[in-house]
N, C-alpha and C. Protein backbone atom coordinates (compact mmCIF):
# COMPACT_ATOMS: atom_id res chain seq x y z
N MET A 1 -72.06 -6.19 44.94
CA MET A 1 -72.98 -6.35 46.77
C MET A 1 -72.36 -7.29 46.52
N PRO A 2 -72.10 -7.53 48.69
CA PRO A 2 -71.48 -8.46 49.06
C PRO A 2 -72.27 -10.07 48.75
N TYR A 3 -71.57 -11.15 49.23
CA TYR A 3 -72.93 -12.14 49.39
C TYR A 3 -72.28 -13.42 50.13
N ALA A 4 -73.11 -14.42 50.56
CA ALA A 4 -72.70 -15.55 51.80
C ALA A 4 -72.84 -16.73 50.90
N PHE A 5 -72.30 -17.77 51.33
CA PHE A 5 -72.23 -19.33 51.05
C PHE A 5 -71.64 -19.72 52.32
N THR A 6 -72.39 -21.34 52.25
CA THR A 6 -71.96 -22.74 53.36
C THR A 6 -71.40 -23.36 52.52
N LEU A 7 -70.18 -24.12 53.64
CA LEU A 7 -69.98 -25.42 52.74
C LEU A 7 -69.85 -26.06 53.69
N THR A 8 -70.10 -27.47 53.52
CA THR A 8 -69.33 -28.32 54.69
C THR A 8 -68.67 -29.79 54.00
N THR A 9 -67.97 -30.26 55.48
CA THR A 9 -66.97 -31.18 55.04
C THR A 9 -66.78 -31.86 56.40
N THR A 10 -66.16 -33.22 56.49
CA THR A 10 -66.17 -33.56 57.71
C THR A 10 -64.93 -34.20 57.70
N ILE A 11 -64.33 -33.71 58.60
CA ILE A 11 -62.48 -34.24 59.15
C ILE A 11 -62.66 -35.20 59.82
N PRO A 12 -61.31 -36.00 59.72
CA PRO A 12 -61.23 -37.48 60.88
C PRO A 12 -60.09 -37.10 62.37
N ALA A 13 -61.31 -35.55 62.96
CA ALA A 13 -60.95 -35.71 64.03
C ALA A 13 -61.76 -35.32 65.06
N SER A 14 -61.83 -35.26 65.95
CA SER A 14 -62.70 -34.64 67.14
C SER A 14 -63.12 -32.98 66.96
N PRO A 15 -64.26 -32.65 67.45
CA PRO A 15 -64.21 -30.95 67.46
C PRO A 15 -63.38 -31.10 68.37
N GLN A 16 -63.24 -31.04 69.27
CA GLN A 16 -61.87 -30.68 70.28
C GLN A 16 -60.13 -30.18 68.96
N GLU A 17 -60.33 -31.78 68.94
CA GLU A 17 -59.06 -31.51 68.35
C GLU A 17 -58.76 -30.32 66.96
N VAL A 18 -60.58 -30.25 65.92
CA VAL A 18 -60.16 -29.42 64.90
C VAL A 18 -60.29 -28.09 65.57
N TYR A 19 -60.84 -28.01 67.11
CA TYR A 19 -60.76 -26.72 67.62
C TYR A 19 -59.48 -25.86 67.60
N GLU A 20 -58.92 -27.07 68.37
CA GLU A 20 -57.36 -26.69 69.01
C GLU A 20 -56.69 -26.44 67.82
N ALA A 21 -56.32 -27.36 66.66
CA ALA A 21 -55.54 -27.28 65.84
C ALA A 21 -55.62 -25.56 65.19
N TRP A 22 -57.19 -25.69 65.13
CA TRP A 22 -57.58 -24.17 64.26
C TRP A 22 -57.06 -22.87 64.75
N LEU A 23 -56.24 -22.64 66.08
CA LEU A 23 -56.76 -21.74 67.06
C LEU A 23 -54.80 -22.30 66.89
N ASP A 24 -54.59 -22.86 67.10
CA ASP A 24 -52.95 -23.27 67.17
C ASP A 24 -51.70 -22.40 65.95
N SER A 25 -50.94 -21.86 66.36
CA SER A 25 -50.13 -21.21 65.10
C SER A 25 -49.67 -22.57 64.58
N VAL A 26 -48.87 -22.83 65.40
CA VAL A 26 -48.29 -24.64 64.79
C VAL A 26 -48.81 -24.90 63.91
N VAL A 27 -50.38 -25.70 64.34
CA VAL A 27 -50.73 -26.80 64.35
C VAL A 27 -51.34 -26.78 62.73
N HIS A 28 -51.73 -25.01 62.86
CA HIS A 28 -52.56 -24.18 61.65
C HIS A 28 -51.46 -24.33 60.43
N SER A 29 -50.39 -23.95 61.02
CA SER A 29 -49.65 -23.46 59.94
C SER A 29 -49.06 -25.31 59.29
N GLU A 30 -48.61 -26.71 59.96
CA GLU A 30 -48.58 -27.52 59.76
C GLU A 30 -49.36 -28.06 58.99
N MET A 31 -51.12 -27.89 59.21
CA MET A 31 -52.34 -28.35 58.72
C MET A 31 -52.42 -28.16 57.20
N THR A 32 -52.26 -26.21 56.71
CA THR A 32 -52.72 -25.78 55.74
C THR A 32 -51.65 -25.72 54.77
N GLY A 33 -50.39 -25.64 55.50
CA GLY A 33 -48.76 -25.38 54.83
C GLY A 33 -48.40 -23.77 54.09
N GLY A 34 -49.20 -23.17 55.17
CA GLY A 34 -48.60 -21.85 55.21
C GLY A 34 -48.63 -21.07 56.63
N GLU A 35 -47.42 -20.04 56.60
CA GLU A 35 -47.09 -19.82 58.04
C GLU A 35 -48.75 -19.23 58.45
N ALA A 36 -49.07 -19.20 59.43
CA ALA A 36 -49.92 -18.66 60.35
C ALA A 36 -49.54 -18.21 61.61
N SER A 37 -50.75 -17.05 62.34
CA SER A 37 -50.67 -16.58 63.33
C SER A 37 -51.48 -16.75 64.18
N MET A 38 -52.08 -17.67 65.00
CA MET A 38 -53.00 -17.96 65.90
C MET A 38 -53.35 -17.46 67.43
N SER A 39 -54.22 -17.17 67.86
CA SER A 39 -54.73 -17.71 69.25
C SER A 39 -56.16 -18.51 69.53
N ASP A 40 -56.19 -18.56 71.16
CA ASP A 40 -57.29 -19.02 71.34
C ASP A 40 -58.02 -17.62 72.22
N GLU A 41 -57.41 -16.50 72.17
CA GLU A 41 -58.28 -15.38 72.69
C GLU A 41 -59.51 -14.63 72.37
N THR A 42 -60.12 -14.05 72.35
CA THR A 42 -61.27 -13.75 71.60
C THR A 42 -60.89 -12.09 71.82
N GLY A 43 -60.94 -11.44 70.76
CA GLY A 43 -60.64 -10.26 70.14
C GLY A 43 -59.46 -10.07 69.77
N ALA A 44 -58.81 -11.24 69.72
CA ALA A 44 -57.62 -11.05 69.67
C ALA A 44 -56.96 -11.52 67.70
N GLU A 45 -56.08 -10.85 67.50
CA GLU A 45 -55.70 -10.44 65.91
C GLU A 45 -54.97 -12.01 65.26
N VAL A 46 -55.40 -12.41 63.61
CA VAL A 46 -55.42 -13.28 63.41
C VAL A 46 -54.47 -13.50 61.95
N SER A 47 -53.51 -14.42 61.67
CA SER A 47 -53.09 -14.36 60.40
C SER A 47 -52.85 -15.80 59.48
N ALA A 48 -53.22 -16.28 58.71
CA ALA A 48 -53.03 -17.22 57.87
C ALA A 48 -52.16 -17.32 56.85
N TRP A 49 -51.79 -17.87 56.07
CA TRP A 49 -51.55 -18.39 54.78
C TRP A 49 -50.00 -17.12 54.26
N ASP A 50 -49.33 -16.98 55.18
CA ASP A 50 -48.01 -16.32 55.27
C ASP A 50 -48.92 -14.79 54.95
N GLY A 51 -49.38 -14.25 56.20
CA GLY A 51 -49.95 -13.09 55.98
C GLY A 51 -50.96 -12.81 54.70
N TYR A 52 -51.17 -13.74 53.66
CA TYR A 52 -52.34 -13.05 52.81
C TYR A 52 -53.67 -12.94 53.48
N ILE A 53 -54.25 -13.89 54.54
CA ILE A 53 -55.01 -13.79 55.33
C ILE A 53 -54.58 -13.10 56.55
N THR A 54 -56.11 -11.91 56.78
CA THR A 54 -56.03 -11.38 58.51
C THR A 54 -57.49 -11.44 58.88
N GLY A 55 -57.19 -11.54 60.33
CA GLY A 55 -58.76 -10.89 60.81
C GLY A 55 -58.87 -10.81 62.59
N ARG A 56 -59.82 -11.28 63.19
CA ARG A 56 -59.73 -11.24 64.14
C ARG A 56 -60.45 -12.37 65.08
N ASN A 57 -60.33 -12.31 66.18
CA ASN A 57 -61.19 -13.62 66.82
C ASN A 57 -62.42 -12.56 67.51
N LEU A 58 -63.61 -12.99 66.63
CA LEU A 58 -65.11 -12.74 67.45
C LEU A 58 -65.93 -13.07 68.76
N GLU A 59 -65.94 -14.82 68.11
CA GLU A 59 -66.35 -15.56 69.15
C GLU A 59 -65.88 -16.66 69.38
N LEU A 60 -65.45 -17.49 70.83
CA LEU A 60 -65.15 -19.07 70.59
C LEU A 60 -65.56 -19.44 71.26
N VAL A 61 -65.91 -21.09 71.30
CA VAL A 61 -66.40 -21.33 71.98
C VAL A 61 -65.97 -22.91 72.03
N PRO A 62 -65.35 -23.35 72.89
CA PRO A 62 -64.59 -24.84 73.10
C PRO A 62 -64.99 -25.70 71.77
N GLY A 63 -64.31 -26.69 70.86
CA GLY A 63 -65.24 -27.40 70.37
C GLY A 63 -66.66 -28.12 69.85
N GLU A 64 -67.16 -26.40 69.41
CA GLU A 64 -68.02 -26.27 69.22
C GLU A 64 -68.19 -24.93 67.70
N ARG A 65 -67.87 -23.99 68.50
CA ARG A 65 -67.81 -22.71 66.77
C ARG A 65 -66.48 -21.76 67.58
N ILE A 66 -66.19 -21.83 65.65
CA ILE A 66 -65.33 -20.15 65.62
C ILE A 66 -65.52 -19.18 65.09
N VAL A 67 -65.79 -18.07 65.61
CA VAL A 67 -65.89 -17.04 64.59
C VAL A 67 -64.64 -15.60 64.46
N GLN A 68 -64.64 -15.66 63.33
CA GLN A 68 -63.49 -14.68 63.05
C GLN A 68 -63.69 -14.10 62.05
N THR A 69 -63.16 -12.80 62.13
CA THR A 69 -63.20 -11.35 60.48
C THR A 69 -62.58 -11.75 59.92
N TRP A 70 -62.34 -11.86 58.16
CA TRP A 70 -61.58 -12.52 57.15
C TRP A 70 -61.61 -11.59 56.23
N ARG A 71 -60.50 -11.16 56.04
CA ARG A 71 -59.63 -10.55 54.85
C ARG A 71 -58.41 -11.07 54.13
N THR A 72 -58.56 -10.88 52.86
CA THR A 72 -57.48 -12.09 51.80
C THR A 72 -57.07 -10.35 51.70
N LYS A 73 -55.64 -10.12 50.85
CA LYS A 73 -55.48 -9.62 50.24
C LYS A 73 -55.65 -9.02 48.74
N GLN A 74 -57.05 -9.67 48.48
CA GLN A 74 -57.92 -9.33 47.57
C GLN A 74 -58.41 -8.50 47.77
N PHE A 75 -59.27 -7.89 49.20
CA PHE A 75 -59.78 -7.08 49.20
C PHE A 75 -59.09 -5.58 49.35
N THR A 76 -60.25 -4.31 48.59
CA THR A 76 -59.92 -3.46 48.82
C THR A 76 -60.34 -2.66 50.24
N ASP A 77 -59.34 -1.28 50.20
CA ASP A 77 -60.00 -0.70 51.60
C ASP A 77 -61.59 -0.54 51.00
N GLU A 78 -62.36 -0.50 50.04
CA GLU A 78 -63.87 -0.12 50.35
C GLU A 78 -64.46 -1.44 50.27
N HIS A 79 -63.67 -2.56 50.74
CA HIS A 79 -64.33 -3.82 51.22
C HIS A 79 -64.26 -3.71 52.75
N GLU A 80 -65.70 -4.31 53.24
CA GLU A 80 -65.29 -4.50 54.51
C GLU A 80 -64.86 -5.86 54.99
N ASP A 81 -64.15 -5.97 56.09
CA ASP A 81 -64.45 -7.72 56.32
C ASP A 81 -65.34 -8.62 56.06
N SER A 82 -64.73 -9.59 55.81
CA SER A 82 -65.93 -10.78 55.71
C SER A 82 -66.21 -11.11 57.56
N ARG A 83 -66.99 -12.29 56.93
CA ARG A 83 -66.71 -12.99 58.13
C ARG A 83 -67.04 -14.46 57.95
N ILE A 84 -66.31 -15.15 58.84
CA ILE A 84 -66.23 -16.86 59.31
C ILE A 84 -66.72 -17.61 60.26
N THR A 85 -68.18 -18.45 59.92
CA THR A 85 -68.58 -19.47 61.22
C THR A 85 -68.56 -20.52 61.15
N VAL A 86 -67.39 -20.94 62.09
CA VAL A 86 -66.82 -22.66 61.59
C VAL A 86 -67.56 -23.17 62.98
N THR A 87 -68.60 -23.98 62.55
CA THR A 87 -69.44 -24.81 63.46
C THR A 87 -68.61 -26.31 63.08
N LEU A 88 -69.05 -27.18 64.40
CA LEU A 88 -67.99 -28.58 64.60
C LEU A 88 -69.05 -29.12 65.73
N GLU A 89 -69.18 -30.54 64.57
CA GLU A 89 -70.41 -31.51 65.59
C GLU A 89 -69.61 -32.46 65.52
N ALA A 90 -69.78 -33.20 66.23
CA ALA A 90 -69.51 -34.99 66.67
C ALA A 90 -69.93 -35.83 65.15
N VAL A 91 -69.64 -36.50 64.65
CA VAL A 91 -70.25 -37.50 63.57
C VAL A 91 -69.80 -38.64 63.46
N GLU A 92 -70.15 -39.55 63.13
CA GLU A 92 -69.56 -41.17 63.50
C GLU A 92 -68.10 -41.34 62.70
N ASP A 93 -68.02 -40.42 61.59
CA ASP A 93 -66.11 -40.81 61.13
C ASP A 93 -65.04 -39.01 62.01
N GLY A 94 -65.44 -38.62 62.46
CA GLY A 94 -65.05 -37.54 63.15
C GLY A 94 -65.80 -36.43 63.07
N THR A 95 -65.65 -35.36 62.16
CA THR A 95 -66.08 -33.96 62.76
C THR A 95 -66.84 -33.56 61.92
N LEU A 96 -68.47 -33.02 61.93
CA LEU A 96 -68.83 -32.40 60.15
C LEU A 96 -68.95 -30.79 60.38
N LEU A 97 -68.01 -30.32 59.94
CA LEU A 97 -67.10 -29.12 59.91
C LEU A 97 -68.23 -27.99 58.89
N THR A 98 -69.23 -27.11 59.36
CA THR A 98 -69.81 -26.50 58.56
C THR A 98 -69.37 -25.08 58.65
N LEU A 99 -68.94 -24.42 57.19
CA LEU A 99 -68.41 -23.08 57.29
C LEU A 99 -69.30 -22.14 56.68
N GLU A 100 -69.43 -20.92 57.25
CA GLU A 100 -70.60 -20.26 56.17
C GLU A 100 -70.00 -18.78 56.46
N HIS A 101 -69.83 -18.18 55.26
CA HIS A 101 -68.83 -17.51 54.97
C HIS A 101 -70.11 -16.29 54.39
N THR A 102 -69.77 -14.48 55.22
CA THR A 102 -70.42 -14.05 54.78
C THR A 102 -69.84 -12.38 54.76
N ASN A 103 -70.54 -11.87 53.93
CA ASN A 103 -70.27 -10.32 53.60
C ASN A 103 -69.02 -10.44 52.20
N VAL A 104 -68.53 -11.40 51.67
CA VAL A 104 -67.89 -11.82 50.69
C VAL A 104 -68.33 -10.88 49.38
N PRO A 105 -67.03 -10.28 49.06
CA PRO A 105 -67.04 -9.11 47.87
C PRO A 105 -67.56 -10.23 46.79
N ASP A 106 -68.85 -9.29 45.77
CA ASP A 106 -69.50 -10.59 44.75
C ASP A 106 -68.81 -10.68 43.73
N ALA A 107 -67.52 -9.97 43.69
CA ALA A 107 -66.94 -10.79 42.53
C ALA A 107 -65.26 -12.09 43.19
N GLN A 108 -65.63 -12.03 44.23
CA GLN A 108 -64.27 -12.41 44.44
C GLN A 108 -65.48 -14.23 44.42
N THR A 109 -65.64 -14.91 44.03
CA THR A 109 -66.44 -16.07 43.70
C THR A 109 -65.62 -16.99 44.46
N SER A 110 -64.04 -17.05 44.09
CA SER A 110 -63.09 -18.45 44.03
C SER A 110 -63.15 -19.14 45.55
N TYR A 111 -63.45 -18.57 46.61
CA TYR A 111 -63.31 -18.97 48.01
C TYR A 111 -64.38 -19.69 48.15
N GLU A 112 -65.42 -19.65 47.28
CA GLU A 112 -66.62 -20.55 47.25
C GLU A 112 -66.31 -21.88 46.78
N LYS A 113 -65.86 -21.86 45.34
CA LYS A 113 -65.67 -22.57 44.21
C LYS A 113 -64.46 -24.03 44.97
N ASP A 114 -63.44 -23.02 45.06
CA ASP A 114 -62.20 -24.62 45.47
C ASP A 114 -61.26 -23.78 46.34
N GLY A 115 -61.79 -22.61 46.94
CA GLY A 115 -60.17 -21.87 47.73
C GLY A 115 -60.26 -22.44 49.11
N TRP A 116 -61.43 -22.75 49.73
CA TRP A 116 -61.81 -23.06 50.87
C TRP A 116 -61.22 -25.16 50.99
N GLN A 117 -61.89 -25.30 50.13
CA GLN A 117 -61.64 -26.95 49.68
C GLN A 117 -60.09 -26.81 49.92
N LYS A 118 -59.32 -26.65 48.43
CA LYS A 118 -57.78 -26.74 47.91
C LYS A 118 -57.13 -26.34 49.41
N HIS A 119 -57.71 -24.96 49.96
CA HIS A 119 -56.38 -24.40 51.11
C HIS A 119 -57.06 -25.10 52.58
N TYR A 120 -57.37 -25.40 52.75
CA TYR A 120 -58.43 -25.86 54.19
C TYR A 120 -59.10 -26.99 53.87
N PHE A 121 -59.95 -27.49 53.74
CA PHE A 121 -60.86 -28.74 53.93
C PHE A 121 -59.75 -30.29 53.22
N GLY A 122 -59.12 -29.34 52.37
CA GLY A 122 -58.41 -30.77 51.92
C GLY A 122 -57.19 -31.20 52.63
N PRO A 123 -56.26 -30.02 52.79
CA PRO A 123 -55.23 -30.16 54.06
C PRO A 123 -55.51 -30.80 55.07
N MET A 124 -56.57 -29.97 55.56
CA MET A 124 -56.76 -30.66 56.54
C MET A 124 -57.21 -31.95 57.39
N THR A 125 -58.06 -32.93 56.17
CA THR A 125 -58.56 -34.03 55.98
C THR A 125 -56.89 -34.62 56.05
N GLU A 126 -56.61 -34.34 55.09
CA GLU A 126 -54.99 -35.46 55.28
C GLU A 126 -53.96 -35.26 56.21
N TYR A 127 -54.28 -34.14 56.86
CA TYR A 127 -53.36 -33.60 58.18
C TYR A 127 -53.49 -34.81 59.31
N PHE A 128 -55.13 -34.89 59.07
CA PHE A 128 -55.51 -35.67 60.64
C PHE A 128 -55.81 -37.36 60.17
N ALA A 129 -55.48 -37.49 59.20
CA ALA A 129 -55.26 -38.77 58.45
C ALA A 129 -54.22 -39.66 58.54
N ASN A 130 -53.15 -38.57 58.13
CA ASN A 130 -52.04 -39.00 58.59
C ASN A 130 -51.36 -39.09 59.85
N ARG A 131 -51.96 -38.35 60.83
CA ARG A 131 -51.18 -37.67 62.22
C ARG A 131 -51.85 -39.37 63.31
N LYS A 132 -52.89 -39.83 62.78
CA LYS A 132 -54.20 -41.05 63.29
C LYS A 132 -53.12 -41.99 62.62
N ARG A 133 -53.03 -42.25 61.33
CA ARG A 133 -52.11 -43.33 60.75
C ARG A 133 -51.32 -44.02 61.64
N PRO A 134 -49.80 -43.28 62.03
CA PRO A 134 -49.14 -43.90 62.64
C PRO A 134 -48.76 -44.74 64.22
N ARG A 135 -50.06 -44.02 65.07
CA ARG A 135 -50.97 -44.09 66.42
C ARG A 135 -51.01 -45.23 65.93
N ARG A 136 -52.19 -46.01 65.36
CA ARG A 136 -53.03 -47.23 64.71
C ARG A 136 -51.51 -48.28 64.59
N SER A 137 -50.49 -47.52 63.93
CA SER A 137 -49.68 -48.83 63.16
C SER A 137 -48.92 -49.17 64.29
N ALA A 138 -48.50 -47.97 65.10
CA ALA A 138 -47.35 -48.32 66.21
C ALA A 138 -48.31 -49.23 66.93
N LYS A 139 -49.40 -49.37 67.38
CA LYS A 139 -50.04 -50.28 68.38
C LYS A 139 -50.01 -51.68 68.10
N ARG A 140 -50.06 -51.79 66.46
CA ARG A 140 -50.15 -53.23 65.88
C ARG A 140 -49.09 -53.25 65.94
N VAL A 141 -48.13 -53.37 65.89
CA VAL A 141 -46.40 -53.54 65.88
C VAL A 141 -46.71 -54.24 66.80
N ALA A 142 -46.62 -52.92 68.12
CA ALA A 142 -46.39 -54.03 69.58
C ALA A 142 -46.93 -54.89 69.32
N ARG A 143 -48.28 -54.87 69.87
CA ARG A 143 -49.37 -56.43 69.89
C ARG A 143 -48.42 -57.36 68.81
N LYS A 144 -48.06 -57.14 67.63
CA LYS A 144 -47.27 -57.99 66.81
C LYS A 144 -45.96 -58.87 67.49
N THR A 145 -45.08 -58.48 68.39
CA THR A 145 -43.89 -58.00 69.01
C THR A 145 -44.13 -58.47 70.32
N LYS A 146 -45.18 -58.75 70.92
CA LYS A 146 -45.77 -59.22 72.10
C LYS A 146 -46.12 -60.70 72.10
N ALA A 147 -46.48 -60.63 70.55
CA ALA A 147 -46.94 -62.29 70.76
C ALA A 147 -46.38 -62.96 70.02
N LYS A 148 -45.27 -62.33 69.35
CA LYS A 148 -43.94 -63.27 69.16
C LYS A 148 -43.04 -63.62 70.01
N ARG A 149 -43.09 -62.73 71.02
CA ARG A 149 -42.34 -62.78 72.13
C ARG A 149 -42.94 -63.88 73.07
N ALA A 150 -43.89 -63.46 73.63
CA ALA A 150 -44.95 -65.38 73.69
C ALA A 150 -45.10 -66.17 73.08
N ARG A 151 -44.43 -66.55 71.77
CA ARG A 151 -44.46 -67.21 71.19
C ARG A 151 -43.33 -68.08 71.23
N VAL A 152 -42.02 -67.02 70.88
CA VAL A 152 -40.73 -67.78 71.25
C VAL A 152 -40.57 -68.26 72.82
N GLY A 153 -41.24 -67.36 73.42
CA GLY A 153 -41.18 -68.00 75.26
C GLY A 153 -41.80 -69.21 75.14
N ARG A 154 -42.59 -69.92 74.48
CA ARG A 154 -43.36 -70.56 74.91
C ARG A 154 -42.47 -72.09 74.83
N THR A 155 -42.36 -71.84 73.32
CA THR A 155 -40.93 -73.21 72.71
C THR A 155 -40.06 -73.20 72.78
N ALA A 156 -38.97 -71.85 73.07
CA ALA A 156 -37.41 -71.86 72.75
C ALA A 156 -37.27 -72.17 74.61
N GLY A 157 -38.08 -71.36 75.28
CA GLY A 157 -37.96 -71.29 76.66
C GLY A 157 -37.83 -72.46 77.42
N PRO A 158 -38.89 -73.35 77.69
CA PRO A 158 -37.91 -74.52 78.30
C PRO A 158 -37.17 -74.97 78.08
N ALA A 159 -36.77 -75.08 76.75
CA ALA A 159 -35.27 -75.99 76.01
C ALA A 159 -34.30 -75.50 76.72
N VAL A 160 -34.27 -73.78 76.36
CA VAL A 160 -33.21 -73.17 76.70
C VAL A 160 -33.06 -73.48 78.35
N ARG A 161 -34.48 -73.90 79.36
CA ARG A 161 -33.75 -73.98 80.34
C ARG A 161 -33.73 -75.23 80.73
N ARG A 162 -33.49 -76.00 80.23
CA ARG A 162 -33.22 -77.48 80.24
C ARG A 162 -32.13 -77.62 79.90
N ALA A 163 -31.32 -77.15 78.76
CA ALA A 163 -29.92 -77.00 78.50
C ALA A 163 -29.31 -76.81 79.50
N LYS A 164 -27.73 -77.81 79.60
CA LYS A 164 -27.01 -77.88 80.19
C LYS A 164 -26.02 -77.45 80.14
N PRO A 165 -24.76 -76.55 80.18
CA PRO A 165 -23.72 -76.51 79.60
C PRO A 165 -22.27 -77.18 79.30
N LYS A 166 -22.39 -77.44 77.88
CA LYS A 166 -20.91 -78.08 78.18
C LYS A 166 -19.53 -77.50 78.42
N ARG A 167 -19.14 -79.00 78.74
CA ARG A 167 -17.76 -78.82 79.63
C ARG A 167 -16.88 -79.13 78.74
N THR A 168 -16.05 -78.29 79.11
CA THR A 168 -14.83 -78.58 78.21
C THR A 168 -13.24 -80.01 78.34
N ARG A 169 -13.00 -80.26 77.63
CA ARG A 169 -11.79 -81.02 78.19
C ARG A 169 -10.85 -81.09 79.30
N ALA A 170 -10.50 -79.29 79.57
CA ALA A 170 -10.05 -78.57 80.75
C ALA A 170 -10.91 -79.03 82.09
N ALA A 171 -11.77 -78.54 81.64
CA ALA A 171 -12.70 -79.04 82.96
C ALA A 171 -12.83 -80.01 83.34
N THR A 172 -13.24 -80.77 82.35
CA THR A 172 -13.17 -82.52 82.98
C THR A 172 -12.22 -83.31 83.09
N ARG A 173 -10.87 -82.51 82.91
CA ARG A 173 -10.26 -83.21 83.57
C ARG A 173 -9.52 -82.61 84.81
N ALA A 174 -9.59 -81.65 85.37
CA ALA A 174 -9.24 -81.02 86.47
C ALA A 174 -10.83 -81.53 87.43
N LYS A 175 -12.12 -82.00 86.83
CA LYS A 175 -13.00 -82.23 88.07
C LYS A 175 -12.16 -83.76 88.63
N THR A 176 -12.09 -84.49 87.23
CA THR A 176 -11.05 -85.96 87.53
C THR A 176 -10.42 -85.78 88.78
N LYS A 177 -9.35 -84.85 88.41
CA LYS A 177 -7.90 -84.41 89.17
C LYS A 177 -8.84 -84.13 90.84
N ARG A 178 -10.36 -83.64 91.15
CA ARG A 178 -10.68 -83.31 92.44
C ARG A 178 -11.16 -84.64 93.10
N VAL A 179 -11.88 -85.59 92.11
CA VAL A 179 -12.32 -86.71 92.53
C VAL A 179 -11.14 -87.60 93.01
N ALA A 180 -10.58 -87.63 92.21
CA ALA A 180 -9.02 -88.59 92.48
C ALA A 180 -8.27 -88.33 93.23
N SER A 181 -8.25 -86.62 93.84
CA SER A 181 -7.95 -86.40 95.06
C SER A 181 -8.33 -86.46 96.16
N LYS A 182 -9.66 -86.43 95.80
CA LYS A 182 -10.78 -87.02 97.26
C LYS A 182 -10.47 -88.06 97.48
N ALA A 183 -10.22 -88.80 96.74
CA ALA A 183 -10.23 -90.87 97.00
C ALA A 183 -8.91 -90.82 97.48
N ARG A 184 -7.74 -90.48 97.22
CA ARG A 184 -6.51 -90.65 97.77
C ARG A 184 -6.84 -90.14 99.39
N LYS A 185 -7.25 -89.38 99.69
CA LYS A 185 -7.47 -88.67 100.75
C LYS A 185 -8.09 -89.76 101.81
N ALA A 186 -9.32 -89.91 101.14
CA ALA A 186 -10.67 -90.74 101.69
C ALA A 186 -9.67 -92.08 102.51
N VAL A 187 -8.86 -92.53 101.50
CA VAL A 187 -7.97 -93.68 101.39
C VAL A 187 -6.47 -93.70 102.51
N GLY A 188 -6.64 -92.60 102.41
CA GLY A 188 -5.39 -92.29 103.61
C GLY A 188 -5.54 -92.43 104.89
N LYS A 189 -7.00 -91.86 105.46
CA LYS A 189 -7.54 -91.11 106.00
C LYS A 189 -7.36 -92.96 107.00
N LYS A 190 -8.43 -93.83 105.55
CA LYS A 190 -8.45 -94.89 106.45
C LYS A 190 -7.57 -95.87 106.88
N ALA A 191 -6.66 -95.80 106.23
CA ALA A 191 -5.03 -96.34 106.46
C ALA A 191 -4.31 -95.74 107.83
N THR A 192 -4.51 -94.45 108.52
CA THR A 192 -4.52 -93.71 109.30
C THR A 192 -5.38 -94.55 110.86
N LYS A 193 -6.55 -94.58 110.63
CA LYS A 193 -7.24 -95.16 111.55
C LYS A 193 -7.02 -96.96 111.93
N ARG A 194 -6.78 -96.85 110.50
CA ARG A 194 -6.04 -98.55 111.03
C ARG A 194 -4.66 -99.01 111.86
N ARG A 195 -3.91 -97.92 111.43
CA ARG A 195 -2.52 -97.71 112.42
C ARG A 195 -2.79 -97.21 113.37
N ALA A 196 -3.16 -96.04 113.58
CA ALA A 196 -3.60 -95.96 114.85
C ALA A 196 -4.76 -96.85 116.41
N ALA A 197 -5.12 -98.39 115.71
CA ALA A 197 -6.08 -99.26 115.86
C ALA A 197 -5.04 -99.83 116.11
N ALA A 198 -3.91 -100.44 115.47
CA ALA A 198 -3.42 -101.66 115.78
C ALA A 198 -1.82 -101.10 116.42
N LYS A 199 -2.11 -99.83 116.63
CA LYS A 199 -0.82 -99.22 117.35
C LYS A 199 -1.38 -99.59 118.61
N SER A 200 -2.79 -98.92 119.23
CA SER A 200 -3.00 -99.16 120.49
C SER A 200 -3.77 -100.41 120.69
N ALA A 201 -3.78 -101.32 120.04
CA ALA A 201 -3.96 -103.04 120.13
C ALA A 201 -2.86 -103.59 121.36
N ARG A 202 -1.65 -103.02 120.55
CA ARG A 202 -0.07 -104.03 120.77
C ARG A 202 -0.02 -103.72 122.44
N PRO A 203 -0.71 -102.11 123.27
CA PRO A 203 0.17 -102.79 124.63
C PRO A 203 -1.25 -103.32 125.69
N ARG A 204 -2.40 -103.36 124.82
CA ARG A 204 -3.49 -104.35 125.48
C ARG A 204 -2.92 -105.39 125.45
N ALA A 205 -2.31 -106.34 124.15
CA ALA A 205 -2.34 -107.71 123.78
C ALA A 205 -0.29 -107.88 125.32
N LYS A 206 -0.03 -107.37 125.28
CA LYS A 206 1.31 -107.04 126.05
C LYS A 206 1.12 -107.24 127.26
N LYS A 207 -0.42 -106.55 127.63
CA LYS A 207 -0.59 -106.42 129.29
C LYS A 207 -1.47 -107.89 129.87
N ALA A 208 -2.07 -108.47 128.44
CA ALA A 208 -3.07 -109.31 129.02
C ALA A 208 -1.58 -110.83 129.29
N LYS A 209 -0.58 -110.81 127.69
CA LYS A 209 0.35 -112.02 127.91
C LYS A 209 1.08 -111.93 129.58
N SER A 210 1.11 -110.60 130.14
CA SER A 210 1.74 -110.66 131.18
C SER A 210 1.23 -111.37 132.36
N LYS A 211 -0.25 -110.99 132.20
CA LYS A 211 -1.09 -111.68 133.54
C LYS A 211 -0.79 -112.89 133.16
N THR A 212 -0.85 -113.34 132.25
CA THR A 212 -1.08 -115.30 131.49
C THR A 212 0.21 -115.67 132.32
N ALA A 213 1.45 -114.82 132.12
CA ALA A 213 2.60 -115.24 132.54
C ALA A 213 2.49 -115.45 134.30
N ARG A 214 2.20 -114.56 134.67
CA ARG A 214 2.00 -114.14 136.16
C ARG A 214 1.27 -116.01 136.82
N GLY A 215 0.15 -115.87 136.44
CA GLY A 215 -0.42 -116.91 136.66
C GLY A 215 0.20 -118.27 136.54
N LYS A 216 0.65 -118.46 135.83
CA LYS A 216 1.31 -119.51 135.55
C LYS A 216 2.24 -119.86 136.68
N ARG A 217 3.20 -118.59 136.84
CA ARG A 217 4.59 -119.08 137.40
C ARG A 217 3.27 -119.03 138.90
N ARG A 218 2.55 -118.86 139.61
CA ARG A 218 1.92 -119.24 140.97
C ARG A 218 1.38 -120.63 141.71
């Protein structure tokens, strides 16, 4: 005679994340370790664990409840489909998952003993725990890197800004030559001005001397 049982577990993820993972073929496969074909449409056929489990979606309430028919290859033609109802409730540590499995063949008690725990609850918990861990780690690494750069900027930054580039000997000689060339040009300009002044002064002196001589003759 068929029987029913109820199991509960806590998954480290939100109810919506668990809901979407259960009904997604790729994620369901990664989560359980067996190939799955899932759907988020009511009435769609589903399968899991490489075809060992087959069923159909009966009722879907996003983030809250999943109801499916469920039969394994251990079921005979005489066995009717069993039914699973997965209820999701948000709790402090993630999601409280309550599984009610009904119309189970009385001789098939392995699902209740360790089947669900071994093939679903355990792998699901590990999957979500590992998926969230790298995100937190990446944030910590980013914060540490940012803090380290800030410290380096405070200590080394000013020193780098104050530092002056070293001059090579060739650059020093070139600068010396430029200074000497400018000095020679300046001296040359001054000498040219003095010669020009002296040259212009001679005619004036001659004129003055000539006037003086004429005055004496008179």
